[in-house]
Amino acid sequence: MISRAMDQGRTLRLMTAMHRLSGGALTAGLRSMAVTSGKGGVGKTNVVANLAFLLGEMGNRVLVLDADMGLANIDVLLGITPRYTLRDFLEGRCTIEEVLVQGPGGMSILPAGSGVVELTHLQPDQRLSLLNEINALGSKYDLLLIDTAAGVSPNVVHFNALAEEIIVLVTPEPTSLTDAYALIKVMFTRHRRRRFFVLINEARNEEEGRQVFCGLNGVVERFLHFSLMELGCLPKDPCVPRAVKSQRPFVEEYPHCRAAQKLREVAQRIRNLPARRGGEGEYAFFSPYA
């Protein structure tokens, strides 16, 4: 009898999650933003960790979801050793609250497992269960930052589709641009997403960042017929790898370095994003170079 009641309860929770999922968004009131990339090795997890730190400094209650299932490393980046991970939750060994760990700057983190092939292809019921539990946490936070894996795997597409807002991180490397376009195309063709914020990382200067954005935006306008939005440009900065080695956010370790100053501007833009307008939820266009 107890087992049947538990099954019914689980079914109801999954139905609730499915209902929310059908709307394409997480809990109302919890802003959600995915930070994603077509190519790996562009600094995505580092940007997420440092953005979370800065947004926390600005008074936001930030929850970071490490959605790079199977190759998660935000805990390593920040020198955290979690007792449980999302693998433990998905396999029924703990609750979602037990997975939560506190990171620097007051951020909360849901760490995923590393080196677990099964996590790279979550089943639909696992995705819905995770969504439902994150929704249950929603009232405690203002912003959910989702650190996705790179590429266009089902997990990547799923977590990007859940987010209200998507940041695509690119570097000046041609392969990064090519893979970023592939990701944007997949999200557009499968989920009709047209709103993408582009953040350039490791640029030599703002002019190079501007050229990278214009090149990617030109291809999207030509073949997909919509425009991308510029979020900013982060410079190549020797302070960033030094902070990684010390397992601390570079905005905390070197708050006055060029990369920290530019990312602080990006965090402020994210915090001040205008409200959605229109039926499709488009944002007014803005340029950080204006």
C-alpha atoms as a PDB file:
ATOM      1  CA  MET A   1       0.000   0.000   0.000  1.00  0.00           C
ATOM      2  CA  ILE A   2       2.826   2.377   0.924  1.00  0.00           C
ATOM      3  CA  SER A   3       4.683   1.461  -2.245  1.00  0.00           C
ATOM      4  CA  ARG A   4       1.583   2.187  -4.340  1.00  0.00           C
ATOM      5  CA  ALA A   5       1.150   5.578  -2.667  1.00  0.00           C
ATOM      6  CA  MET A   6       4.797   6.423  -3.319  1.00  0.00           C
ATOM      7  CA  ASP A   7       4.395   5.462  -6.988  1.00  0.00           C
ATOM      8  CA  GLN A   8       1.303   7.647  -7.258  1.00  0.00           C
ATOM      9  CA  GLY A   9       3.124  10.537  -5.620  1.00  0.00           C
ATOM     10  CA  ARG A  10       6.039  10.182  -7.982  1.00  0.00           C
ATOM     11  CA  THR A  11       3.674  10.075 -10.959  1.00  0.00           C
ATOM     12  CA  LEU A  12       1.963  13.278  -9.814  1.00  0.00           C
ATOM     13  CA  ARG A  13       5.296  15.028  -9.401  1.00  0.00           C
ATOM     14  CA  LEU A  14       6.389  13.988 -12.878  1.00  0.00           C
ATOM     15  CA  MET A  15       3.054  15.110 -14.347  1.00  0.00           C
ATOM     16  CA  THR A  16       3.530  18.496 -12.689  1.00  0.00           C
ATOM     17  CA  ALA A  17       7.047  18.737 -14.076  1.00  0.00           C
ATOM     18  CA  MET A  18       5.823  17.745 -17.544  1.00  0.00           C
ATOM     19  CA  HIS A  19       3.187  20.459 -17.397  1.00  0.00           C
ATOM     20  CA  ARG A  20       5.845  23.038 -16.550  1.00  0.00           C
ATOM     21  CA  LEU A  21       8.158  21.669 -19.173  1.00  0.00           C
ATOM     22  CA  SER A  22       5.500  22.055 -21.833  1.00  0.00           C
ATOM     23  CA  GLY A  23       5.561  25.786 -21.129  1.00  0.00           C
ATOM     24  CA  GLY A  24       9.273  25.898 -21.864  1.00  0.00           C
ATOM     25  CA  ALA A  25      10.202  27.468 -18.533  1.00  0.00           C
ATOM     26  CA  LEU A  26      10.998  26.683 -14.952  1.00  0.00           C
ATOM     27  CA  THR A  27       9.129  27.935 -11.906  1.00  0.00           C
ATOM     28  CA  ALA A  28       7.621  31.386 -12.320  1.00  0.00           C
ATOM     29  CA  GLY A  29       9.710  33.919 -10.411  1.00  0.00           C
ATOM     30  CA  LEU A  30      12.946  31.962 -10.836  1.00  0.00           C
ATOM     31  CA  ARG A  31      14.842  33.414 -13.769  1.00  0.00           C
ATOM     32  CA  SER A  32      16.801  30.768 -15.626  1.00  0.00           C
ATOM     33  CA  MET A  33      19.780  31.274 -17.890  1.00  0.00           C
ATOM     34  CA  ALA A  34      21.803  28.599 -19.671  1.00  0.00           C
ATOM     35  CA  VAL A  35      25.465  29.242 -20.453  1.00  0.00           C
ATOM     36  CA  THR A  36      26.367  27.003 -23.349  1.00  0.00           C
ATOM     37  CA  SER A  37      28.812  26.506 -26.205  1.00  0.00           C
ATOM     38  CA  GLY A  38      29.198  24.498 -29.354  1.00  0.00           C
ATOM     39  CA  LYS A  39      32.839  23.700 -28.668  1.00  0.00           C
ATOM     40  CA  GLY A  40      34.432  22.544 -25.441  1.00  0.00           C
ATOM     41  CA  GLY A  41      37.389  24.283 -23.841  1.00  0.00           C
ATOM     42  CA  VAL A  42      36.125  27.842 -24.311  1.00  0.00           C
ATOM     43  CA  GLY A  43      35.970  28.635 -20.573  1.00  0.00           C
ATOM     44  CA  LYS A  44      32.263  28.090 -20.048  1.00  0.00           C
ATOM     45  CA  THR A  45      32.345  26.642 -16.514  1.00  0.00           C
ATOM     46  CA  ASN A  46      34.782  29.315 -15.371  1.00  0.00           C
ATOM     47  CA  VAL A  47      32.499  32.044 -16.711  1.00  0.00           C
ATOM     48  CA  VAL A  48      29.492  30.484 -14.950  1.00  0.00           C
ATOM     49  CA  ALA A  49      31.301  30.268 -11.602  1.00  0.00           C
ATOM     50  CA  ASN A  50      32.517  33.850 -11.787  1.00  0.00           C
ATOM     51  CA  LEU A  51      29.171  35.206 -13.006  1.00  0.00           C
ATOM     52  CA  ALA A  52      27.462  33.463 -10.091  1.00  0.00           C
ATOM     53  CA  PHE A  53      29.924  35.069  -7.688  1.00  0.00           C
ATOM     54  CA  LEU A  54      29.372  38.557  -9.122  1.00  0.00           C
ATOM     55  CA  LEU A  55      25.586  38.257  -9.284  1.00  0.00           C
ATOM     56  CA  GLY A  56      25.623  37.083  -5.674  1.00  0.00           C
ATOM     57  CA  GLU A  57      27.651  40.168  -4.775  1.00  0.00           C
ATOM     58  CA  MET A  58      24.937  42.245  -6.411  1.00  0.00           C
ATOM     59  CA  GLY A  59      22.306  40.797  -4.097  1.00  0.00           C
ATOM     60  CA  ASN A  60      20.944  37.905  -6.165  1.00  0.00           C
ATOM     61  CA  ARG A  61      20.344  34.472  -4.671  1.00  0.00           C
ATOM     62  CA  VAL A  62      22.029  32.297  -7.299  1.00  0.00           C
ATOM     63  CA  LEU A  63      21.650  28.564  -7.859  1.00  0.00           C
ATOM     64  CA  VAL A  64      24.141  26.934 -10.245  1.00  0.00           C
ATOM     65  CA  LEU A  65      23.137  23.690 -11.941  1.00  0.00           C
ATOM     66  CA  ASP A  66      26.123  21.768 -13.275  1.00  0.00           C
ATOM     67  CA  ALA A  67      24.393  20.222 -16.289  1.00  0.00           C
ATOM     68  CA  ASP A  68      27.589  18.937 -17.872  1.00  0.00           C
ATOM     69  CA  MET A  69      26.490  15.467 -16.897  1.00  0.00           C
ATOM     70  CA  GLY A  70      29.310  12.946 -17.027  1.00  0.00           C
ATOM     71  CA  LEU A  71      32.151  15.495 -17.244  1.00  0.00           C
ATOM     72  CA  ALA A  72      31.177  17.893 -14.466  1.00  0.00           C
ATOM     73  CA  ASN A  73      33.938  19.976 -12.923  1.00  0.00           C
ATOM     74  CA  ILE A  74      32.589  23.153 -11.339  1.00  0.00           C
ATOM     75  CA  ASP A  75      33.255  21.634  -7.904  1.00  0.00           C
ATOM     76  CA  VAL A  76      36.899  20.995  -8.879  1.00  0.00           C
ATOM     77  CA  LEU A  77      37.197  24.519 -10.293  1.00  0.00           C
ATOM     78  CA  LEU A  78      36.083  25.964  -6.946  1.00  0.00           C
ATOM     79  CA  GLY A  79      37.907  23.528  -4.690  1.00  0.00           C
ATOM     80  CA  ILE A  80      34.721  21.931  -3.363  1.00  0.00           C
ATOM     81  CA  THR A  81      34.385  18.266  -2.431  1.00  0.00           C
ATOM     82  CA  PRO A  82      30.652  17.435  -2.402  1.00  0.00           C
ATOM     83  CA  ARG A  83      29.351  14.501  -0.395  1.00  0.00           C
ATOM     84  CA  TYR A  84      26.639  13.815  -2.966  1.00  0.00           C
ATOM     85  CA  THR A  85      26.162  14.667  -6.635  1.00  0.00           C
ATOM     86  CA  LEU A  86      23.207  14.650  -9.012  1.00  0.00           C
ATOM     87  CA  ARG A  87      24.131  11.076  -9.850  1.00  0.00           C
ATOM     88  CA  ASP A  88      23.300  10.111  -6.262  1.00  0.00           C
ATOM     89  CA  PHE A  89      19.989  11.957  -6.494  1.00  0.00           C
ATOM     90  CA  LEU A  90      19.029  10.403  -9.820  1.00  0.00           C
ATOM     91  CA  GLU A  91      19.868   6.937  -8.490  1.00  0.00           C
ATOM     92  CA  GLY A  92      17.782   7.493  -5.357  1.00  0.00           C
ATOM     93  CA  ARG A  93      20.543   7.688  -2.740  1.00  0.00           C
ATOM     94  CA  CYS A  94      19.779  11.203  -1.509  1.00  0.00           C
ATOM     95  CA  THR A  95      17.436  14.164  -1.841  1.00  0.00           C
ATOM     96  CA  ILE A  96      18.111  17.201  -4.000  1.00  0.00           C
ATOM     97  CA  GLU A  97      18.672  19.252  -0.831  1.00  0.00           C
ATOM     98  CA  GLU A  98      21.470  16.892   0.164  1.00  0.00           C
ATOM     99  CA  VAL A  99      23.186  17.492  -3.175  1.00  0.00           C
ATOM    100  CA  LEU A 100      23.262  21.260  -2.652  1.00  0.00           C
ATOM    101  CA  VAL A 101      26.633  22.692  -1.629  1.00  0.00           C
ATOM    102  CA  GLN A 102      27.629  26.254  -0.837  1.00  0.00           C
ATOM    103  CA  GLY A 103      30.174  27.930  -3.055  1.00  0.00           C
ATOM    104  CA  PRO A 104      32.089  31.195  -2.724  1.00  0.00           C
ATOM    105  CA  GLY A 105      30.141  34.420  -2.737  1.00  0.00           C
ATOM    106  CA  GLY A 106      27.009  32.764  -1.347  1.00  0.00           C
ATOM    107  CA  MET A 107      26.138  30.808  -4.497  1.00  0.00           C
ATOM    108  CA  SER A 108      24.488  27.401  -4.161  1.00  0.00           C
ATOM    109  CA  ILE A 109      25.621  24.602  -6.470  1.00  0.00           C
ATOM    110  CA  LEU A 110      24.069  21.350  -7.673  1.00  0.00           C
ATOM    111  CA  PRO A 111      27.182  19.371  -8.701  1.00  0.00           C
ATOM    112  CA  ALA A 112      26.895  16.561 -11.225  1.00  0.00           C
ATOM    113  CA  GLY A 113      28.908  13.364 -11.509  1.00  0.00           C
ATOM    114  CA  SER A 114      32.144  13.057 -13.444  1.00  0.00           C
ATOM    115  CA  GLY A 115      33.253  10.133 -15.568  1.00  0.00           C
ATOM    116  CA  VAL A 116      29.776   8.566 -15.599  1.00  0.00           C
ATOM    117  CA  VAL A 117      28.725   7.664 -19.145  1.00  0.00           C
ATOM    118  CA  GLU A 118      25.107   7.002 -18.139  1.00  0.00           C
ATOM    119  CA  LEU A 119      24.631  10.641 -17.107  1.00  0.00           C
ATOM    120  CA  THR A 120      25.463  11.918 -20.581  1.00  0.00           C
ATOM    121  CA  HIS A 121      22.118  10.552 -21.841  1.00  0.00           C
ATOM    122  CA  LEU A 122      19.486  11.186 -19.180  1.00  0.00           C
ATOM    123  CA  GLN A 123      16.200   9.359 -19.633  1.00  0.00           C
ATOM    124  CA  PRO A 124      12.980  11.423 -19.913  1.00  0.00           C
ATOM    125  CA  ASP A 125      11.817  10.440 -16.426  1.00  0.00           C
ATOM    126  CA  GLN A 126      15.194  11.462 -14.982  1.00  0.00           C
ATOM    127  CA  ARG A 127      14.993  14.848 -16.686  1.00  0.00           C
ATOM    128  CA  LEU A 128      11.463  15.409 -15.438  1.00  0.00           C
ATOM    129  CA  SER A 129      12.332  14.349 -11.921  1.00  0.00           C
ATOM    130  CA  LEU A 130      15.270  16.740 -11.836  1.00  0.00           C
ATOM    131  CA  LEU A 131      13.140  19.566 -13.252  1.00  0.00           C
ATOM    132  CA  ASN A 132      10.464  18.989 -10.647  1.00  0.00           C
ATOM    133  CA  GLU A 133      12.951  19.107  -7.768  1.00  0.00           C
ATOM    134  CA  ILE A 134      14.592  22.273  -9.092  1.00  0.00           C
ATOM    135  CA  ASN A 135      11.155  23.851  -9.311  1.00  0.00           C
ATOM    136  CA  ALA A 136      10.616  22.911  -5.672  1.00  0.00           C
ATOM    137  CA  LEU A 137      13.789  24.837  -4.789  1.00  0.00           C
ATOM    138  CA  GLY A 138      12.759  27.808  -6.894  1.00  0.00           C
ATOM    139  CA  SER A 139      11.310  29.980  -4.137  1.00  0.00           C
ATOM    140  CA  LYS A 140      14.704  30.104  -2.394  1.00  0.00           C
ATOM    141  CA  TYR A 141      16.539  31.646  -5.345  1.00  0.00           C
ATOM    142  CA  ASP A 142      16.314  34.533  -7.792  1.00  0.00           C
ATOM    143  CA  LEU A 143      18.390  33.117 -10.634  1.00  0.00           C
ATOM    144  CA  LEU A 144      19.275  29.659 -11.921  1.00  0.00           C
ATOM    145  CA  LEU A 145      22.492  29.493 -13.946  1.00  0.00           C
ATOM    146  CA  ILE A 146      22.739  26.290 -15.985  1.00  0.00           C
ATOM    147  CA  ASP A 147      26.236  25.246 -16.998  1.00  0.00           C
ATOM    148  CA  THR A 148      25.553  22.956 -19.956  1.00  0.00           C
ATOM    149  CA  ALA A 149      27.943  20.601 -21.666  1.00  0.00           C
ATOM    150  CA  ALA A 150      29.368  21.608 -25.039  1.00  0.00           C
ATOM    151  CA  GLY A 151      27.938  20.398 -28.331  1.00  0.00           C
ATOM    152  CA  VAL A 152      24.454  19.399 -29.436  1.00  0.00           C
ATOM    153  CA  SER A 153      23.809  16.210 -27.455  1.00  0.00           C
ATOM    154  CA  PRO A 154      20.246  15.521 -26.185  1.00  0.00           C
ATOM    155  CA  ASN A 155      21.248  16.711 -22.708  1.00  0.00           C
ATOM    156  CA  VAL A 156      22.610  19.994 -24.044  1.00  0.00           C
ATOM    157  CA  VAL A 157      19.530  20.658 -26.165  1.00  0.00           C
ATOM    158  CA  HIS A 158      17.237  19.744 -23.248  1.00  0.00           C
ATOM    159  CA  PHE A 159      18.819  22.073 -20.695  1.00  0.00           C
ATOM    160  CA  ASN A 160      19.033  24.931 -23.175  1.00  0.00           C
ATOM    161  CA  ALA A 161      15.365  24.450 -24.032  1.00  0.00           C
ATOM    162  CA  LEU A 162      14.436  24.696 -20.357  1.00  0.00           C
ATOM    163  CA  ALA A 163      16.149  28.034 -19.845  1.00  0.00           C
ATOM    164  CA  GLU A 164      14.363  31.295 -20.474  1.00  0.00           C
ATOM    165  CA  GLU A 165      17.595  32.891 -21.655  1.00  0.00           C
ATOM    166  CA  ILE A 166      20.609  31.419 -23.439  1.00  0.00           C
ATOM    167  CA  ILE A 167      24.169  32.726 -23.431  1.00  0.00           C
ATOM    168  CA  VAL A 168      26.373  31.247 -26.151  1.00  0.00           C
ATOM    169  CA  LEU A 169      30.048  31.511 -25.238  1.00  0.00           C
ATOM    170  CA  VAL A 170      32.495  31.678 -28.140  1.00  0.00           C
ATOM    171  CA  THR A 171      36.195  32.377 -28.643  1.00  0.00           C
ATOM    172  CA  PRO A 172      37.875  33.799 -31.745  1.00  0.00           C
ATOM    173  CA  GLU A 173      38.843  30.289 -32.892  1.00  0.00           C
ATOM    174  CA  PRO A 174      37.135  29.319 -36.189  1.00  0.00           C
ATOM    175  CA  THR A 175      36.063  25.959 -34.748  1.00  0.00           C
ATOM    176  CA  SER A 176      34.358  27.705 -31.832  1.00  0.00           C
ATOM    177  CA  LEU A 177      32.374  29.898 -34.225  1.00  0.00           C
ATOM    178  CA  THR A 178      31.416  27.009 -36.485  1.00  0.00           C
ATOM    179  CA  ASP A 179      30.216  24.897 -33.556  1.00  0.00           C
ATOM    180  CA  ALA A 180      28.380  27.846 -31.990  1.00  0.00           C
ATOM    181  CA  TYR A 181      26.421  28.318 -35.218  1.00  0.00           C
ATOM    182  CA  ALA A 182      25.601  24.596 -35.273  1.00  0.00           C
ATOM    183  CA  LEU A 183      24.232  24.807 -31.716  1.00  0.00           C
ATOM    184  CA  ILE A 184      22.164  27.907 -32.478  1.00  0.00           C
ATOM    185  CA  LYS A 185      20.782  26.241 -35.607  1.00  0.00           C
ATOM    186  CA  VAL A 186      19.760  23.123 -33.650  1.00  0.00           C
ATOM    187  CA  MET A 187      18.010  25.171 -30.963  1.00  0.00           C
ATOM    188  CA  PHE A 188      16.203  27.189 -33.636  1.00  0.00           C
ATOM    189  CA  THR A 189      15.093  24.266 -35.793  1.00  0.00           C
ATOM    190  CA  ARG A 190      14.045  22.015 -32.902  1.00  0.00           C
ATOM    191  CA  HIS A 191      12.689  24.529 -30.395  1.00  0.00           C
ATOM    192  CA  ARG A 192      12.213  27.731 -32.445  1.00  0.00           C
ATOM    193  CA  ARG A 193      14.535  29.637 -30.148  1.00  0.00           C
ATOM    194  CA  ARG A 194      15.526  32.990 -31.612  1.00  0.00           C
ATOM    195  CA  ARG A 195      16.890  34.775 -28.559  1.00  0.00           C
ATOM    196  CA  PHE A 196      20.600  34.194 -28.008  1.00  0.00           C
ATOM    197  CA  PHE A 197      23.035  36.378 -26.106  1.00  0.00           C
ATOM    198  CA  VAL A 198      26.607  36.002 -27.359  1.00  0.00           C
ATOM    199  CA  LEU A 199      29.557  36.428 -25.018  1.00  0.00           C
ATOM    200  CA  ILE A 200      33.049  36.492 -26.544  1.00  0.00           C
ATOM    201  CA  ASN A 201      35.832  35.020 -24.409  1.00  0.00           C
ATOM    202  CA  GLU A 202      39.622  35.302 -24.661  1.00  0.00           C
ATOM    203  CA  ALA A 203      39.649  38.086 -27.230  1.00  0.00           C
ATOM    204  CA  ARG A 204      42.819  40.137 -27.775  1.00  0.00           C
ATOM    205  CA  ASN A 205      40.794  43.346 -27.648  1.00  0.00           C
ATOM    206  CA  GLU A 206      37.271  44.671 -28.086  1.00  0.00           C
ATOM    207  CA  GLU A 207      37.761  45.127 -31.812  1.00  0.00           C
ATOM    208  CA  GLU A 208      38.479  41.432 -32.228  1.00  0.00           C
ATOM    209  CA  GLY A 209      35.454  40.638 -30.050  1.00  0.00           C
ATOM    210  CA  ARG A 210      33.298  42.869 -32.209  1.00  0.00           C
ATOM    211  CA  GLN A 211      34.534  41.172 -35.393  1.00  0.00           C
ATOM    212  CA  VAL A 212      33.842  37.728 -33.940  1.00  0.00           C
ATOM    213  CA  PHE A 213      30.299  38.718 -33.015  1.00  0.00           C
ATOM    214  CA  CYS A 214      29.603  40.342 -36.372  1.00  0.00           C
ATOM    215  CA  GLY A 215      30.888  37.276 -38.216  1.00  0.00           C
ATOM    216  CA  LEU A 216      28.666  34.882 -36.260  1.00  0.00           C
ATOM    217  CA  ASN A 217      25.686  37.214 -36.365  1.00  0.00           C
ATOM    218  CA  GLY A 218      26.073  37.674 -40.118  1.00  0.00           C
ATOM    219  CA  VAL A 219      25.854  33.931 -40.735  1.00  0.00           C
ATOM    220  CA  VAL A 220      22.801  33.613 -38.462  1.00  0.00           C
ATOM    221  CA  GLU A 221      21.049  36.529 -40.184  1.00  0.00           C
ATOM    222  CA  ARG A 222      21.790  35.124 -43.626  1.00  0.00           C
ATOM    223  CA  PHE A 223      20.709  31.535 -43.061  1.00  0.00           C
ATOM    224  CA  LEU A 224      18.348  31.601 -40.038  1.00  0.00           C
ATOM    225  CA  HIS A 225      16.893  35.104 -40.576  1.00  0.00           C
ATOM    226  CA  PHE A 226      17.130  36.523 -37.072  1.00  0.00           C
ATOM    227  CA  SER A 227      19.741  38.505 -35.136  1.00  0.00           C
ATOM    228  CA  LEU A 228      21.875  37.639 -32.146  1.00  0.00           C
ATOM    229  CA  MET A 229      22.447  39.971 -29.198  1.00  0.00           C
ATOM    230  CA  GLU A 230      25.843  41.091 -27.954  1.00  0.00           C
ATOM    231  CA  LEU A 231      26.467  40.552 -24.272  1.00  0.00           C
ATOM    232  CA  GLY A 232      30.109  41.586 -24.126  1.00  0.00           C
ATOM    233  CA  CYS A 233      33.717  40.658 -24.677  1.00  0.00           C
ATOM    234  CA  LEU A 234      36.120  39.179 -22.129  1.00  0.00           C
ATOM    235  CA  PRO A 235      39.847  39.673 -22.760  1.00  0.00           C
ATOM    236  CA  LYS A 236      42.549  37.050 -22.591  1.00  0.00           C
ATOM    237  CA  ASP A 237      43.984  37.660 -19.118  1.00  0.00           C
ATOM    238  CA  PRO A 238      46.843  35.822 -17.338  1.00  0.00           C
ATOM    239  CA  CYS A 239      45.026  36.268 -14.031  1.00  0.00           C
ATOM    240  CA  VAL A 240      42.322  33.822 -15.143  1.00  0.00           C
ATOM    241  CA  PRO A 241      44.501  30.669 -15.371  1.00  0.00           C
ATOM    242  CA  ARG A 242      46.293  31.682 -12.157  1.00  0.00           C
ATOM    243  CA  ALA A 243      42.959  31.790 -10.322  1.00  0.00           C
ATOM    244  CA  VAL A 244      41.994  28.408 -11.810  1.00  0.00           C
ATOM    245  CA  LYS A 245      45.154  26.888 -10.372  1.00  0.00           C
ATOM    246  CA  SER A 246      44.293  28.288  -6.940  1.00  0.00           C
ATOM    247  CA  GLN A 247      40.682  27.024  -7.322  1.00  0.00           C
ATOM    248  CA  ARG A 248      39.155  30.435  -6.652  1.00  0.00           C
ATOM    249  CA  PRO A 249      36.971  32.709  -8.821  1.00  0.00           C
ATOM    250  CA  PHE A 250      39.203  35.172 -10.649  1.00  0.00           C
ATOM    251  CA  VAL A 251      36.773  37.994  -9.830  1.00  0.00           C
ATOM    252  CA  GLU A 252      37.475  37.318  -6.130  1.00  0.00           C
ATOM    253  CA  GLU A 253      41.196  36.538  -6.399  1.00  0.00           C
ATOM    254  CA  TYR A 254      42.017  39.360  -8.821  1.00  0.00           C
ATOM    255  CA  PRO A 255      39.029  41.768  -8.637  1.00  0.00           C
ATOM    256  CA  HIS A 256      40.806  44.537 -10.547  1.00  0.00           C
ATOM    257  CA  CYS A 257      42.151  42.487 -13.460  1.00  0.00           C
ATOM    258  CA  ARG A 258      40.813  43.235 -16.948  1.00  0.00           C
ATOM    259  CA  ALA A 259      38.778  40.045 -17.193  1.00  0.00           C
ATOM    260  CA  ALA A 260      37.115  40.696 -13.819  1.00  0.00           C
ATOM    261  CA  GLN A 261      36.234  44.264 -14.748  1.00  0.00           C
ATOM    262  CA  LYS A 262      34.684  43.211 -18.058  1.00  0.00           C
ATOM    263  CA  LEU A 263      32.765  40.304 -16.529  1.00  0.00           C
ATOM    264  CA  ARG A 264      31.416  42.663 -13.865  1.00  0.00           C
ATOM    265  CA  GLU A 265      29.980  44.782 -16.677  1.00  0.00           C
ATOM    266  CA  VAL A 266      28.399  41.650 -18.185  1.00  0.00           C
ATOM    267  CA  ALA A 267      26.895  40.668 -14.829  1.00  0.00           C
ATOM    268  CA  GLN A 268      25.375  44.136 -14.507  1.00  0.00           C
ATOM    269  CA  ARG A 269      23.855  43.835 -17.993  1.00  0.00           C
ATOM    270  CA  ILE A 270      22.356  40.468 -17.075  1.00  0.00           C
ATOM    271  CA  ARG A 271      20.939  41.935 -13.883  1.00  0.00           C
ATOM    272  CA  ASN A 272      19.426  44.848 -15.804  1.00  0.00           C
ATOM    273  CA  LEU A 273      18.009  42.889 -18.736  1.00  0.00           C
ATOM    274  CA  PRO A 274      14.734  44.490 -19.818  1.00  0.00           C
ATOM    275  CA  ALA A 275      11.494  42.658 -19.252  1.00  0.00           C
ATOM    276  CA  ARG A 276      10.227  40.432 -22.016  1.00  0.00           C
ATOM    277  CA  ARG A 277       7.906  41.985 -24.495  1.00  0.00           C
ATOM    278  CA  GLY A 278       5.499  40.556 -27.006  1.00  0.00           C
ATOM    279  CA  GLY A 279       4.075  37.076 -27.319  1.00  0.00           C
ATOM    280  CA  GLU A 280       7.392  35.427 -28.134  1.00  0.00           C
ATOM    281  CA  GLY A 281       9.206  37.016 -25.220  1.00  0.00           C
ATOM    282  CA  GLU A 282      11.806  38.912 -27.234  1.00  0.00           C
ATOM    283  CA  TYR A 283      14.113  41.397 -25.555  1.00  0.00           C
ATOM    284  CA  ALA A 284      14.852  44.863 -26.781  1.00  0.00           C
ATOM    285  CA  PHE A 285      18.200  44.833 -28.582  1.00  0.00           C
ATOM    286  CA  PHE A 286      21.110  46.427 -26.794  1.00  0.00           C
ATOM    287  CA  SER A 287      24.812  46.629 -27.556  1.00  0.00           C
ATOM    288  CA  PRO A 288      27.600  46.755 -24.967  1.00  0.00           C
ATOM    289  CA  TYR A 289      29.653  48.721 -27.482  1.00  0.00           C
ATOM    290  CA  ALA A 290      27.161  51.547 -27.912  1.00  0.00           C
END
